[in-house]
């Protein structure tokens, strides 16, 4: 389960993306989390998903 706190979510998602998944879609599908919700929550604290880096920046 992904953390609810946006800062913790950022750390969690970037760790998962770096170590286990080739892209955000695969990560969200495997973790059973809503991609749009993750993107929205992290956008609220100024982060966006960078496909080339496969991380939120």
C-alpha atoms as a PDB file:
ATOM      1  CA  UNK A   1       0.000   0.000   0.000  1.00  0.00           C
ATOM      2  CA  UNK A   2       1.333   3.420  -0.966  1.00  0.00           C
ATOM      3  CA  UNK A   3       1.708   6.098   1.726  1.00  0.00           C
ATOM      4  CA  UNK A   4      -0.965   8.809   1.949  1.00  0.00           C
ATOM      5  CA  UNK A   5       1.423  11.630   2.887  1.00  0.00           C
ATOM      6  CA  UNK A   6       2.657  13.289  -0.356  1.00  0.00           C
ATOM      7  CA  UNK A   7       6.304  13.582   0.762  1.00  0.00           C
ATOM      8  CA  UNK A   8       6.406   9.940   1.867  1.00  0.00           C
ATOM      9  CA  UNK A   9       4.616   8.978  -1.352  1.00  0.00           C
ATOM     10  CA  UNK A  10       7.305  10.763  -3.377  1.00  0.00           C
ATOM     11  CA  UNK A  11      10.076   8.836  -1.668  1.00  0.00           C
ATOM     12  CA  UNK A  12       8.194   5.542  -1.910  1.00  0.00           C
ATOM     13  CA  UNK A  13       7.342   5.917  -5.596  1.00  0.00           C
ATOM     14  CA  UNK A  14      10.823   6.989  -6.650  1.00  0.00           C
ATOM     15  CA  UNK A  15      12.347   4.064  -4.763  1.00  0.00           C
ATOM     16  CA  UNK A  16       9.956   1.601  -6.406  1.00  0.00           C
ATOM     17  CA  UNK A  17      10.474   3.133  -9.845  1.00  0.00           C
ATOM     18  CA  UNK A  18      14.244   3.085  -9.481  1.00  0.00           C
ATOM     19  CA  UNK A  19      14.572  -0.434  -8.099  1.00  0.00           C
ATOM     20  CA  UNK A  20      11.675  -2.468  -9.450  1.00  0.00           C
ATOM     21  CA  UNK A  21       9.686  -0.983 -12.343  1.00  0.00           C
ATOM     22  CA  UNK A  22      10.395   0.177 -15.873  1.00  0.00           C
ATOM     23  CA  UNK A  23       7.637   2.823 -15.819  1.00  0.00           C
ATOM     24  CA  UNK A  24       4.894   4.399 -13.739  1.00  0.00           C
ATOM     25  CA  UNK A  25       2.109   2.379 -15.350  1.00  0.00           C
ATOM     26  CA  UNK A  26       3.745  -0.935 -14.405  1.00  0.00           C
ATOM     27  CA  UNK A  27       4.415   0.319 -10.885  1.00  0.00           C
ATOM     28  CA  UNK A  28       0.853   1.481 -10.288  1.00  0.00           C
ATOM     29  CA  UNK A  29      -0.643  -1.678 -11.791  1.00  0.00           C
ATOM     30  CA  UNK A  30       1.470  -3.920  -9.584  1.00  0.00           C
ATOM     31  CA  UNK A  31       0.908  -1.860  -6.444  1.00  0.00           C
ATOM     32  CA  UNK A  32      -2.802  -1.524  -7.230  1.00  0.00           C
ATOM     33  CA  UNK A  33      -2.785   2.249  -6.929  1.00  0.00           C
ATOM     34  CA  UNK A  34      -4.471   4.859  -9.101  1.00  0.00           C
ATOM     35  CA  UNK A  35      -1.910   6.447 -11.442  1.00  0.00           C
ATOM     36  CA  UNK A  36      -3.888   9.683 -11.800  1.00  0.00           C
ATOM     37  CA  UNK A  37      -4.202  10.045  -8.036  1.00  0.00           C
ATOM     38  CA  UNK A  38      -0.454   9.516  -7.533  1.00  0.00           C
ATOM     39  CA  UNK A  39       0.362  12.078 -10.239  1.00  0.00           C
ATOM     40  CA  UNK A  40      -2.134  14.561  -8.768  1.00  0.00           C
ATOM     41  CA  UNK A  41      -0.875  14.190  -5.191  1.00  0.00           C
ATOM     42  CA  UNK A  42       2.730  14.677  -6.228  1.00  0.00           C
ATOM     43  CA  UNK A  43       1.852  17.619  -8.486  1.00  0.00           C
ATOM     44  CA  UNK A  44       0.380  19.313  -5.403  1.00  0.00           C
ATOM     45  CA  UNK A  45       3.881  19.420  -3.893  1.00  0.00           C
ATOM     46  CA  UNK A  46       5.558  20.463  -7.140  1.00  0.00           C
ATOM     47  CA  UNK A  47       6.645  17.136  -8.663  1.00  0.00           C
ATOM     48  CA  UNK A  48       5.900  15.657 -12.052  1.00  0.00           C
ATOM     49  CA  UNK A  49       6.684  12.264 -13.562  1.00  0.00           C
ATOM     50  CA  UNK A  50       9.633  12.328 -15.963  1.00  0.00           C
ATOM     51  CA  UNK A  51       9.350   9.352 -18.334  1.00  0.00           C
ATOM     52  CA  UNK A  52      12.984   9.538 -19.464  1.00  0.00           C
ATOM     53  CA  UNK A  53      14.292   9.397 -15.900  1.00  0.00           C
ATOM     54  CA  UNK A  54      11.488   7.137 -14.698  1.00  0.00           C
ATOM     55  CA  UNK A  55      11.099   9.206 -11.561  1.00  0.00           C
ATOM     56  CA  UNK A  56       9.259  12.148 -10.106  1.00  0.00           C
ATOM     57  CA  UNK A  57      11.290  15.338 -10.358  1.00  0.00           C
END
